[in-house]
Amino acid sequence: MHRLAQAAGALELSRRNANTRAKDAACGSAGMPGKPQPGEALDCDEFPMASTYEGAGRADYEGAEYKDEFSVRYISPVENQEAGRRLNAWYDNDRILNNDAFILVIGD
């Protein structure tokens, strides 16, 4: 994946917003399973993350072959926000700059 730093400029901010719009559209779709019940607090999270060039809005910038090349799921807002804090801390601590490549390993 490649870091998409919104502070890098207007194009990066626009692309980050496209990631969020595509994620929100998928989360609001009629067929989306696991939607929260009234009064239930859940975040709809996406992978690849909105902070990457490979995020949900990629098709808007790189072509239709990337349409729907992402996943979304409702999760605990506490867990989602903690994961976001940790990801941003890693970006900062390891100096992962705009368009820097990285590999995400899940599990041990």
Protein backbone atom coordinates (compact mmCIF):
# COMPACT_ATOMS: atom_id res chain seq x y z
CA MET A 1 0.00 0.00 0.00
CA HIS A 2 0.98 3.66 -0.23
CA ARG A 3 0.38 6.37 2.36
CA LEU A 4 -2.06 9.09 1.37
CA ALA A 5 -1.23 12.05 3.61
CA GLN A 6 -4.02 14.61 3.44
CA ALA A 7 -1.63 17.36 4.55
CA ALA A 8 0.38 16.83 1.32
CA GLY A 9 -1.94 19.06 -0.71
CA ALA A 10 -5.29 19.64 -2.36
CA LEU A 11 -5.13 16.58 -4.64
CA GLU A 12 -4.37 14.29 -1.71
CA LEU A 13 -7.19 15.81 0.35
CA SER A 14 -9.57 15.35 -2.60
CA ARG A 15 -8.53 11.72 -2.97
CA ARG A 16 -8.91 11.12 0.77
CA ASN A 17 -12.42 12.59 0.56
CA ALA A 18 -13.17 10.28 -2.40
CA ASN A 19 -12.11 7.33 -0.23
CA THR A 20 -14.53 8.45 2.47
CA ARG A 21 -17.40 9.03 0.01
CA ALA A 22 -17.00 5.58 -1.57
CA LYS A 23 -16.83 3.94 1.86
CA ASP A 24 -19.91 5.83 3.06
CA ALA A 25 -21.85 4.86 -0.08
CA ALA A 26 -21.00 1.19 0.45
CA CYS A 27 -21.93 1.38 4.13
CA GLY A 28 -25.27 2.95 3.27
CA SER A 29 -26.16 0.45 0.57
CA ALA A 30 -29.31 -1.62 1.01
CA GLY A 31 -27.42 -4.91 0.98
CA MET A 32 -24.89 -3.96 3.66
CA PRO A 33 -25.08 -6.55 6.45
CA GLY A 34 -24.66 -5.77 10.12
CA LYS A 35 -26.11 -2.27 10.06
CA PRO A 36 -26.50 -0.80 13.52
CA GLN A 37 -29.89 -0.87 15.17
CA PRO A 38 -31.41 2.46 16.27
CA GLY A 39 -29.37 3.75 19.19
CA GLU A 40 -26.50 1.32 18.53
CA ALA A 41 -23.15 3.02 18.04
CA LEU A 42 -21.02 1.36 15.36
CA ASP A 43 -18.46 2.74 12.91
CA CYS A 44 -18.38 1.57 9.33
CA ASP A 45 -14.71 0.92 8.63
CA GLU A 46 -12.96 0.16 5.36
CA PHE A 47 -9.96 -1.74 4.04
CA PRO A 48 -7.70 -0.65 2.48
CA MET A 49 -7.64 2.31 4.82
CA ALA A 50 -8.75 5.80 3.76
CA SER A 51 -5.19 6.95 4.48
CA THR A 52 -3.87 4.95 1.50
CA TYR A 53 -3.89 5.51 -2.25
CA GLU A 54 -5.49 2.06 -2.51
CA GLY A 55 -8.55 3.22 -0.52
CA ALA A 56 -12.20 2.93 -1.52
CA GLY A 57 -12.10 5.90 -3.92
CA ARG A 58 -9.23 4.52 -6.00
CA ALA A 59 -11.43 3.94 -9.07
CA ASP A 60 -12.12 7.68 -9.31
CA TYR A 61 -8.42 8.29 -9.96
CA GLU A 62 -7.01 5.08 -11.45
CA GLY A 63 -9.85 3.56 -13.44
CA ALA A 64 -12.96 1.42 -13.24
CA GLU A 65 -10.99 -1.79 -12.71
CA TYR A 66 -10.59 -0.67 -9.08
CA LYS A 67 -14.32 -0.18 -8.48
CA ASP A 68 -15.42 -2.23 -5.49
CA GLU A 69 -11.83 -3.32 -4.71
CA PHE A 70 -12.34 -2.61 -1.02
CA SER A 71 -14.35 -3.97 1.86
CA VAL A 72 -16.41 -2.37 4.61
CA ARG A 73 -17.74 -3.63 7.91
CA TYR A 74 -19.46 -2.19 10.97
CA ILE A 75 -17.23 -2.39 14.03
CA SER A 76 -16.93 -0.99 17.54
CA PRO A 77 -16.11 2.73 17.44
CA VAL A 78 -13.72 2.26 20.38
CA GLU A 79 -11.72 -0.36 18.48
CA ASN A 80 -11.87 1.56 15.20
CA GLN A 81 -10.68 4.82 16.71
CA GLU A 82 -7.89 3.09 18.65
CA ALA A 83 -6.71 1.39 15.45
CA GLY A 84 -6.70 4.77 13.70
CA ARG A 85 -4.68 6.35 16.50
CA ARG A 86 -2.14 3.52 16.34
CA LEU A 87 -1.89 3.71 12.56
CA ASN A 88 -1.33 7.47 12.65
CA ALA A 89 1.25 7.09 15.42
CA TRP A 90 3.10 4.54 13.29
CA TYR A 91 3.00 6.86 10.26
CA ASP A 92 4.50 9.63 12.43
CA ASN A 93 7.01 7.57 14.41
CA ASP A 94 8.40 5.72 11.39
CA ARG A 95 8.16 8.79 9.15
CA ILE A 96 5.87 7.20 6.57
CA LEU A 97 5.40 10.11 4.17
CA ASN A 98 2.97 10.74 1.34
CA ASN A 99 3.16 7.98 -1.30
CA ASP A 100 5.64 5.92 0.75
CA ALA A 101 5.07 2.21 0.19
CA PHE A 102 4.44 -0.13 3.10
CA ILE A 103 3.27 -3.68 3.70
CA LEU A 104 0.60 -4.48 6.25
CA VAL A 105 0.99 -7.89 7.87
CA ILE A 106 -2.06 -9.14 9.74
CA GLY A 107 -1.56 -11.65 12.54
CA ASP A 108 1.60 -13.10 13.99
